[in-house]
Amino acid sequence: MNIAWDGLFRDFARKLWLLILAGCIGWMGVVVYENTIYSPKYTSTAVLAVCTQQENAVGSANLSVTKGMAKVYSEVFRQPAIKQLAAEHLGMKTFDGAVRTIHHTGTNLITLTVTAADAPLSCRLLDAMLEVCPALAETVFTDSIIAVMQEPEIPTTVSNPPRSLVRIIGMLAATVLAAGWIVLRACLDRTIRNEAVFCETVDAELLETVVQEDAPRTGRSAPHKKNIGLRIDRDGIGLLFSEDIRRLAIRLESMHRGDGASVITVTAARKNEGVSTIAANLAIALTERGYRAVLLTPDSVKEHLAHIRKSADFVIVDAAPVSVSAETVQLSVRSDRTVLVVRTDTASAEEINDAIHTLREAGSSLCGCVLNGLHRPLTLFGLRGTDETGTQPYSAQKRYPMCGAVSAVMTQNSDTSEEGAGSDAE
């Protein structure tokens, strides 16, 4: 399984709203639980001192004895029989509360608490337990006395208030679940995310990669901005995008010199792959290199192809996707070469291979694919990338194996060569 980590990070960035929404849902889920299922509890407290009949509760001469008694009483108070005696004292069938005792180590003091769903009820239950204490003392230790050091009071606040920590945990749990879902989708994703995935899953040559580029906008204010299209002959277009398009033009120029192929159909496996953008910019790049390039739609091909083919060096056909129009396959057969555009994170490998198989079965001359919309690698200090080999960083001068040395900055058309083709070198 080849996971594109850059793509995974972009998925998290694109789905940040989902993570925030999941966190809010987790928070609200805990709040709803607290308001519907949550039951407030109230705790009434009393402090008791255990002493003998010969001593009072303050300053015992035989503290070790009373400490042992207090430890025993702390266990006795939790027994069901004692709670039943307190319930009968109140005329109740059951003791509707939870008893908790704390023996303070090294002393003869016991903290006795009763927790119930109602504040007055917790105080009444604790009072009932204190009422049965004298009889309890005579039964357990005949010479013991249980003195009340702190009388119970009706509690005014709940003993189990909703905790913000629980809400935060619920929010984080929901966020982690949403993040796990994003990671799972990325692992199971069969779309083409980078060159490595393309080479592993697509049965065709990769002609060129084209980086992701957003179309420039015009207008003084954001509401009035208009998309003016993505063309390399306009201002505001990124250097890497322009370089990739011009490098693709050089590849096709090299093929043209080898076999004279001039009619090139640009298509895709499905919609929204960027076919029109690639076709239009390819025609512009070839024109910049001194060729007569014509961009045609499928309707124009039927009427004007034979005439234009005689007068133009290149005819670029902007064709519909293979899965949309059966006419595209016929156009590819009539063309000298076919280029399949593949946008990252859009079409699955199965769809692309099906389109490739369809074109080859029909007898089309598929020269390769263009991986469009390739995101630049993410780095800590900015966006930097490597060349098509994946090993060398971008530089001002790059040497391509098929076309020789080509400047990465192509701001001016090269001088016309002796052959009149506008080539830099062979």
Protein backbone atom coordinates (compact mmCIF):
# COMPACT_ATOMS: atom_id res chain seq x y z
CA MET A 1 0.00 0.00 0.00
CA ASN A 2 1.55 3.28 -1.14
CA ILE A 3 0.35 6.14 1.05
CA ALA A 4 1.03 9.63 -0.29
CA TRP A 5 1.77 11.50 2.91
CA ASP A 6 1.60 14.90 1.23
CA GLY A 7 -1.82 13.94 -0.10
CA LEU A 8 -2.86 12.80 3.38
CA PHE A 9 -1.86 16.15 4.87
CA ARG A 10 -3.81 17.93 2.14
CA ASP A 11 -6.81 15.75 2.93
CA PHE A 12 -6.61 16.90 6.53
CA ALA A 13 -6.32 20.52 5.38
CA ARG A 14 -9.28 20.20 3.00
CA LYS A 15 -11.37 18.39 5.61
CA LEU A 16 -10.44 20.64 8.52
CA TRP A 17 -14.09 21.69 8.65
CA LEU A 18 -15.01 18.03 9.17
CA LEU A 19 -12.63 17.69 12.12
CA ILE A 20 -14.02 20.88 13.68
CA LEU A 21 -17.58 19.67 13.09
CA ALA A 22 -16.79 16.28 14.63
CA GLY A 23 -15.29 17.99 17.70
CA CYS A 24 -18.42 20.13 18.09
CA ILE A 25 -20.65 17.08 17.75
CA GLY A 26 -18.62 15.25 20.41
CA TRP A 27 -18.90 18.24 22.77
CA MET A 28 -22.65 18.61 22.16
CA GLY A 29 -23.12 14.85 22.56
CA VAL A 30 -21.72 15.02 26.08
CA VAL A 31 -23.88 18.05 26.85
CA VAL A 32 -27.01 16.25 25.61
CA TYR A 33 -26.06 13.24 27.72
CA GLU A 34 -25.69 15.45 30.78
CA ASN A 35 -29.09 17.06 30.19
CA THR A 36 -31.01 13.86 29.44
CA ILE A 37 -29.34 10.88 31.12
CA TYR A 38 -27.25 12.67 33.72
CA SER A 39 -28.74 12.51 37.23
CA PRO A 40 -27.48 14.98 39.86
CA LYS A 41 -26.41 13.61 43.22
CA TYR A 42 -26.31 15.35 46.60
CA THR A 43 -24.07 14.40 49.49
CA SER A 44 -24.63 15.12 53.17
CA THR A 45 -21.65 14.81 55.52
CA ALA A 46 -21.12 14.21 59.24
CA VAL A 47 -17.93 13.81 61.29
CA LEU A 48 -17.97 11.27 64.12
CA ALA A 49 -15.56 10.58 66.97
CA VAL A 50 -15.30 7.16 68.61
CA CYS A 51 -14.38 7.04 72.30
CA THR A 52 -14.96 4.90 75.38
CA GLN A 53 -17.44 5.49 78.19
CA GLN A 54 -14.65 6.44 80.61
CA GLU A 55 -13.29 9.10 78.22
CA ASN A 56 -14.67 12.05 76.30
CA ALA A 57 -14.15 12.77 72.62
CA VAL A 58 -11.39 15.28 73.23
CA GLY A 59 -7.95 14.10 74.28
CA SER A 60 -8.05 10.33 74.83
CA ALA A 61 -5.55 8.66 77.10
CA ASN A 62 -5.94 5.43 75.24
CA LEU A 63 -5.97 6.66 71.64
CA SER A 64 -4.76 3.37 70.21
CA VAL A 65 -7.93 1.63 71.42
CA THR A 66 -10.30 4.21 70.00
CA LYS A 67 -8.39 4.25 66.72
CA GLY A 68 -9.04 0.54 66.34
CA MET A 69 -12.71 1.05 67.21
CA ALA A 70 -13.02 3.82 64.60
CA LYS A 71 -11.56 1.56 61.95
CA VAL A 72 -14.08 -1.17 62.78
CA TYR A 73 -17.00 1.29 62.80
CA SER A 74 -15.97 2.62 59.38
CA GLU A 75 -16.54 -0.89 58.05
CA VAL A 76 -19.75 -1.48 60.00
CA PHE A 77 -21.47 1.67 58.70
CA ARG A 78 -21.22 0.33 55.15
CA GLN A 79 -23.04 -2.91 55.91
CA PRO A 80 -26.51 -3.40 54.38
CA ALA A 81 -27.99 -4.25 57.79
CA ILE A 82 -27.17 -0.79 59.14
CA LYS A 83 -28.69 0.89 56.11
CA GLN A 84 -31.80 -1.22 56.50
CA LEU A 85 -32.12 -0.15 60.16
CA ALA A 86 -31.91 3.49 59.07
CA ALA A 87 -34.56 2.95 56.37
CA GLU A 88 -36.92 1.31 58.89
CA HIS A 89 -36.34 4.21 61.26
CA LEU A 90 -37.65 6.52 58.53
CA GLY A 91 -40.47 4.19 57.60
CA MET A 92 -38.93 3.40 54.21
CA LYS A 93 -38.67 0.00 52.59
CA THR A 94 -35.20 0.55 51.16
CA PHE A 95 -32.30 2.83 51.84
CA ASP A 96 -32.22 5.03 48.71
CA GLY A 97 -28.69 6.31 49.11
CA ALA A 98 -25.03 5.40 48.95
CA VAL A 99 -23.00 5.33 52.16
CA ARG A 100 -19.30 6.14 52.27
CA THR A 101 -17.00 6.20 55.26
CA ILE A 102 -13.48 7.57 55.65
CA HIS A 103 -11.37 6.64 58.67
CA HIS A 104 -8.77 9.31 59.22
CA THR A 105 -5.58 7.36 59.78
CA GLY A 106 -3.98 7.88 63.18
CA THR A 107 -7.13 9.33 64.73
CA ASN A 108 -10.44 8.18 66.14
CA LEU A 109 -12.42 10.29 63.65
CA ILE A 110 -14.76 9.01 60.93
CA THR A 111 -16.28 11.02 58.09
CA LEU A 112 -19.67 9.55 57.22
CA THR A 113 -21.41 10.63 53.99
CA VAL A 114 -24.71 9.69 52.38
CA THR A 115 -25.32 10.44 48.70
CA ALA A 116 -28.85 10.51 47.28
CA ALA A 117 -30.74 11.90 44.29
CA ASP A 118 -32.42 14.54 46.46
CA ALA A 119 -30.67 17.00 48.79
CA PRO A 120 -33.17 16.79 51.73
CA LEU A 121 -33.30 13.01 51.34
CA SER A 122 -29.52 12.68 51.74
CA CYS A 123 -29.66 14.67 54.97
CA ARG A 124 -32.62 12.64 56.32
CA LEU A 125 -30.89 9.35 55.56
CA LEU A 126 -27.73 10.50 57.31
CA ASP A 127 -29.74 11.67 60.33
CA ALA A 128 -31.40 8.25 60.45
CA MET A 129 -28.01 6.54 60.49
CA LEU A 130 -26.90 8.77 63.37
CA GLU A 131 -30.09 7.89 65.26
CA VAL A 132 -29.25 4.20 65.15
CA CYS A 133 -25.65 4.82 66.24
CA PRO A 134 -26.25 4.39 70.01
CA ALA A 135 -27.83 0.98 69.51
CA LEU A 136 -25.05 0.10 67.08
CA ALA A 137 -22.38 1.14 69.59
CA GLU A 138 -23.83 -1.07 72.31
CA THR A 139 -23.89 -4.03 69.92
CA VAL A 140 -20.36 -3.72 68.54
CA PHE A 141 -18.41 -2.37 71.54
CA THR A 142 -20.26 -2.29 74.87
CA ASP A 143 -18.06 0.47 76.29
CA SER A 144 -17.90 2.64 73.16
CA ILE A 145 -19.55 5.97 72.42
CA ILE A 146 -20.04 7.59 68.99
CA ALA A 147 -20.05 11.36 69.32
CA VAL A 148 -21.15 13.65 66.49
CA MET A 149 -18.50 16.29 65.92
CA GLN A 150 -20.16 17.84 62.83
CA GLU A 151 -23.90 17.74 62.37
CA PRO A 152 -25.22 16.92 58.86
CA GLU A 153 -26.75 19.70 56.79
CA ILE A 154 -28.87 19.79 53.68
CA PRO A 155 -26.41 20.11 50.74
CA THR A 156 -26.86 23.08 48.45
CA THR A 157 -24.64 21.91 45.55
CA VAL A 158 -24.47 18.69 43.59
CA SER A 159 -21.65 16.30 44.39
CA ASN A 160 -21.25 15.09 40.79
CA PRO A 161 -21.26 18.29 38.69
CA PRO A 162 -20.73 17.97 34.93
CA ARG A 163 -17.02 18.17 34.26
CA SER A 164 -15.51 20.17 31.43
CA LEU A 165 -12.87 17.47 31.17
CA VAL A 166 -15.52 14.95 30.12
CA ARG A 167 -16.72 17.31 27.41
CA ILE A 168 -13.17 17.82 26.19
CA ILE A 169 -12.62 14.06 26.11
CA GLY A 170 -15.82 13.64 24.10
CA MET A 171 -14.72 16.36 21.68
CA LEU A 172 -11.27 14.80 21.24
CA ALA A 173 -12.71 11.31 20.79
CA ALA A 174 -15.05 12.49 18.02
CA THR A 175 -12.19 14.37 16.36
CA VAL A 176 -9.93 11.31 16.49
CA LEU A 177 -12.70 9.19 14.93
CA ALA A 178 -13.09 11.70 12.10
CA ALA A 179 -9.32 11.76 11.57
CA GLY A 180 -9.27 7.97 11.50
CA TRP A 181 -11.98 7.99 8.84
CA ILE A 182 -9.89 10.39 6.73
CA VAL A 183 -6.82 8.17 7.09
CA LEU A 184 -8.84 5.05 6.22
CA ARG A 185 -10.19 6.70 3.08
CA ALA A 186 -6.67 7.73 2.10
CA CYS A 187 -5.44 4.15 2.56
CA LEU A 188 -8.28 2.71 0.50
CA ASP A 189 -8.18 5.46 -2.12
CA ARG A 190 -7.51 4.17 -5.65
CA THR A 191 -7.07 7.56 -7.30
CA ILE A 192 -3.72 8.71 -8.67
CA ARG A 193 -2.01 10.92 -6.10
CA ASN A 194 1.56 11.18 -7.37
CA GLU A 195 4.05 9.79 -9.89
CA ALA A 196 4.85 6.75 -7.76
CA VAL A 197 1.20 5.67 -7.63
CA PHE A 198 0.85 6.32 -11.37
CA CYS A 199 3.83 4.14 -12.25
CA GLU A 200 2.55 1.33 -10.03
CA THR A 201 -1.07 1.27 -11.18
CA VAL A 202 -1.41 2.78 -14.69
CA ASP A 203 -0.51 0.80 -17.81
CA ALA A 204 0.89 3.71 -19.84
CA GLU A 205 3.93 5.94 -20.10
CA LEU A 206 4.01 9.13 -18.06
CA LEU A 207 4.82 11.91 -20.53
CA GLU A 208 4.88 14.81 -18.12
CA THR A 209 3.60 16.06 -14.79
CA VAL A 210 1.89 19.44 -14.47
CA VAL A 211 1.79 21.10 -11.08
CA GLN A 212 -1.41 22.38 -9.54
CA GLU A 213 -2.05 26.00 -10.49
CA ASP A 214 -5.00 28.18 -9.58
CA ALA A 215 -6.34 30.47 -12.27
CA PRO A 216 -5.56 34.16 -11.65
CA ARG A 217 -8.44 36.47 -10.89
CA THR A 218 -9.11 40.06 -11.77
CA GLY A 219 -11.19 42.71 -10.05
CA ARG A 220 -10.61 45.26 -7.33
CA SER A 221 -12.77 43.62 -4.72
CA ALA A 222 -13.28 39.96 -3.93
CA PRO A 223 -17.03 39.81 -4.82
CA HIS A 224 -16.26 41.11 -8.33
CA LYS A 225 -13.26 38.92 -9.09
CA LYS A 226 -13.57 36.85 -12.23
CA ASN A 227 -11.65 33.79 -13.33
CA ILE A 228 -9.73 34.78 -16.47
CA GLY A 229 -8.55 31.27 -17.35
CA LEU A 230 -5.29 29.43 -16.96
CA ARG A 231 -3.03 30.36 -19.88
CA ILE A 232 0.73 30.49 -19.85
CA ASP A 233 0.81 33.60 -22.07
CA ARG A 234 -0.87 35.69 -19.37
CA ASP A 235 0.56 37.40 -16.31
CA GLY A 236 0.20 35.81 -12.92
CA ILE A 237 0.81 32.21 -14.01
CA GLY A 238 3.26 30.25 -11.90
CA LEU A 239 6.71 29.44 -13.28
CA LEU A 240 6.49 25.71 -12.49
CA PHE A 241 3.17 25.35 -14.32
CA SER A 242 4.47 27.17 -17.38
CA GLU A 243 7.67 25.13 -17.33
CA ASP A 244 5.75 21.85 -17.22
CA ILE A 245 3.54 22.83 -20.16
CA ARG A 246 6.49 23.96 -22.26
CA ARG A 247 8.38 20.78 -21.40
CA LEU A 248 5.42 18.76 -22.62
CA ALA A 249 5.47 20.76 -25.85
CA ILE A 250 9.14 19.88 -26.28
CA ARG A 251 8.35 16.19 -25.83
CA LEU A 252 5.71 16.33 -28.56
CA GLU A 253 8.01 18.38 -30.76
CA SER A 254 10.63 15.65 -30.47
CA MET A 255 8.08 13.02 -31.48
CA HIS A 256 7.01 15.21 -34.39
CA ARG A 257 10.55 15.31 -35.70
CA GLY A 258 10.79 11.55 -35.49
CA ASP A 259 7.65 10.50 -37.35
CA GLY A 260 5.96 13.73 -38.46
CA ALA A 261 2.98 13.28 -36.10
CA SER A 262 1.07 16.54 -36.17
CA VAL A 263 -2.55 15.81 -35.17
CA ILE A 264 -2.74 15.25 -31.41
CA THR A 265 -5.96 14.42 -29.60
CA VAL A 266 -6.04 15.38 -25.93
CA THR A 267 -8.64 13.50 -23.90
CA ALA A 268 -9.24 11.97 -20.46
CA ALA A 269 -10.96 9.05 -18.79
CA ARG A 270 -13.64 11.21 -17.16
CA LYS A 271 -14.76 14.82 -16.76
CA ASN A 272 -12.93 17.57 -14.87
CA GLU A 273 -9.45 16.26 -15.62
CA GLY A 274 -8.22 19.55 -17.13
CA VAL A 275 -8.23 18.50 -20.80
CA SER A 276 -9.15 21.92 -22.18
CA THR A 277 -6.50 23.66 -20.07
CA ILE A 278 -3.76 21.27 -21.17
CA ALA A 279 -4.80 21.39 -24.83
CA ALA A 280 -5.03 25.19 -25.00
CA ASN A 281 -1.71 25.76 -23.22
CA LEU A 282 -0.02 23.09 -25.32
CA ALA A 283 -1.05 24.95 -28.47
CA ILE A 284 0.26 28.21 -26.97
CA ALA A 285 3.59 26.61 -26.03
CA LEU A 286 4.06 25.19 -29.52
CA THR A 287 3.24 28.57 -31.02
CA GLU A 288 5.85 30.19 -28.76
CA ARG A 289 8.42 27.79 -30.19
CA GLY A 290 7.73 29.02 -33.72
CA TYR A 291 5.25 26.40 -34.90
CA ARG A 292 1.87 26.97 -36.45
CA ALA A 293 -0.43 25.30 -33.92
CA VAL A 294 -4.22 25.16 -34.21
CA LEU A 295 -6.63 24.22 -31.43
CA LEU A 296 -9.80 22.47 -32.62
CA THR A 297 -12.93 21.12 -31.01
CA PRO A 298 -14.35 17.73 -32.09
CA ASP A 299 -17.03 19.46 -34.19
CA SER A 300 -14.41 21.45 -36.11
CA VAL A 301 -12.32 18.37 -36.82
CA LYS A 302 -14.93 16.85 -39.13
CA GLU A 303 -15.12 19.94 -41.33
CA HIS A 304 -11.66 21.49 -41.25
CA LEU A 305 -9.11 18.82 -40.31
CA ALA A 306 -8.07 17.94 -43.87
CA HIS A 307 -7.62 21.60 -44.82
CA ILE A 308 -5.90 22.71 -41.60
CA ARG A 309 -3.58 19.72 -41.57
CA LYS A 310 -1.93 20.98 -44.74
CA SER A 311 -1.27 24.48 -43.42
CA ALA A 312 -0.51 23.84 -39.74
CA ASP A 313 2.47 22.19 -38.09
CA PHE A 314 0.39 20.96 -35.15
CA VAL A 315 -3.35 20.37 -34.75
CA ILE A 316 -4.40 20.00 -31.11
CA VAL A 317 -7.87 18.46 -30.67
CA ASP A 318 -9.65 19.23 -27.39
CA ALA A 319 -11.73 16.06 -27.16
CA ALA A 320 -14.40 14.94 -24.72
CA PRO A 321 -13.61 12.23 -22.12
CA VAL A 322 -13.53 8.65 -23.36
CA SER A 323 -16.28 7.64 -20.92
CA VAL A 324 -18.57 10.45 -22.10
CA SER A 325 -18.36 10.36 -25.89
CA ALA A 326 -17.78 7.40 -28.19
CA GLU A 327 -16.74 9.90 -30.86
CA THR A 328 -13.52 10.53 -28.93
CA VAL A 329 -12.28 7.02 -29.73
CA GLN A 330 -12.90 7.63 -33.45
CA LEU A 331 -11.05 10.96 -33.26
CA SER A 332 -8.09 9.30 -31.56
CA VAL A 333 -7.91 6.73 -34.36
CA ARG A 334 -7.86 9.49 -36.99
CA SER A 335 -5.18 11.40 -35.05
CA ASP A 336 -1.47 10.76 -35.22
CA ARG A 337 -1.13 10.64 -31.45
CA THR A 338 -3.36 10.66 -28.38
CA VAL A 339 -2.53 12.17 -24.99
CA LEU A 340 -4.54 11.09 -21.94
CA VAL A 341 -4.84 13.68 -19.16
CA VAL A 342 -5.04 12.32 -15.60
CA ARG A 343 -5.81 14.68 -12.75
CA THR A 344 -4.58 13.74 -9.29
CA ASP A 345 -7.18 12.66 -6.71
CA THR A 346 -9.94 12.42 -9.33
CA ALA A 347 -10.13 9.28 -11.47
CA SER A 348 -9.36 5.83 -10.12
CA ALA A 349 -6.66 3.63 -11.59
CA GLU A 350 -9.34 1.25 -12.88
CA GLU A 351 -11.09 4.04 -14.81
CA ILE A 352 -7.83 5.21 -16.35
CA ASN A 353 -6.73 1.72 -17.36
CA ASP A 354 -10.17 1.06 -18.88
CA ALA A 355 -9.86 4.22 -20.99
CA ILE A 356 -6.33 3.19 -22.06
CA HIS A 357 -7.55 -0.27 -22.99
CA THR A 358 -10.45 1.21 -25.00
CA LEU A 359 -8.14 3.49 -26.97
CA ARG A 360 -5.64 0.74 -27.72
CA GLU A 361 -8.33 -1.74 -28.71
CA ALA A 362 -9.66 0.79 -31.23
CA GLY A 363 -6.19 1.19 -32.77
CA SER A 364 -5.36 4.60 -31.32
CA SER A 365 -1.71 5.62 -31.02
CA LEU A 366 -1.55 6.51 -27.33
CA CYS A 367 1.79 8.19 -26.69
CA GLY A 368 1.30 8.55 -22.94
CA CYS A 369 -0.39 10.36 -20.10
CA VAL A 370 -0.06 13.79 -18.51
CA LEU A 371 -0.43 13.81 -14.72
CA ASN A 372 -2.27 17.08 -14.13
CA GLY A 373 -2.81 18.98 -10.90
CA LEU A 374 0.24 17.52 -9.15
CA HIS A 375 0.68 19.17 -5.77
CA ARG A 376 4.11 20.41 -4.85
CA PRO A 377 5.87 18.55 -2.04
CA LEU A 378 5.33 20.04 1.40
CA THR A 379 8.38 21.08 3.39
CA LEU A 380 8.85 22.76 6.75
CA PHE A 381 10.10 26.06 5.36
CA GLY A 382 8.12 26.33 2.14
CA LEU A 383 7.21 24.66 -1.10
CA ARG A 384 10.10 23.09 -2.91
CA GLY A 385 10.15 20.31 -5.43
CA THR A 386 12.37 17.99 -7.42
CA ASP A 387 12.69 17.29 -11.10
CA GLU A 388 10.99 14.47 -12.98
CA THR A 389 13.52 11.96 -11.64
CA GLY A 390 12.48 12.75 -8.09
CA THR A 391 16.11 13.15 -6.97
CA GLN A 392 17.39 16.51 -8.23
CA PRO A 393 15.99 19.82 -6.92
CA TYR A 394 14.61 22.43 -9.28
CA SER A 395 17.29 24.77 -10.57
CA ALA A 396 17.64 27.58 -13.08
CA GLN A 397 19.20 25.28 -15.68
CA LYS A 398 17.92 21.75 -16.23
CA ARG A 399 19.00 19.14 -18.73
CA TYR A 400 16.33 16.89 -20.19
CA PRO A 401 17.44 13.62 -21.76
CA MET A 402 15.22 13.94 -24.85
CA CYS A 403 15.70 17.56 -25.70
CA GLY A 404 19.07 18.70 -24.36
CA ALA A 405 19.61 21.77 -22.25
CA VAL A 406 16.53 23.90 -21.82
CA SER A 407 16.29 26.98 -19.66
CA ALA A 408 13.74 26.70 -16.85
CA VAL A 409 12.95 30.37 -17.25
CA MET A 410 11.40 30.77 -20.69
CA THR A 411 10.34 34.37 -20.85
CA GLN A 412 11.28 34.92 -24.48
CA ASN A 413 10.96 32.84 -27.60
CA SER A 414 14.21 31.29 -28.75
CA ASP A 415 15.76 32.51 -31.96
CA THR A 416 14.63 30.72 -35.07
CA SER A 417 17.07 27.95 -35.95
CA GLU A 418 18.36 27.13 -39.40
CA GLU A 419 15.59 24.55 -39.70
CA GLY A 420 12.97 27.15 -38.83
CA ALA A 421 11.54 25.02 -36.04
CA GLY A 422 12.49 27.27 -33.15
CA SER A 423 14.36 24.48 -31.34
CA ASP A 424 17.07 25.18 -28.78
CA ALA A 425 19.36 22.25 -29.50
CA GLU A 426 19.42 18.58 -30.27
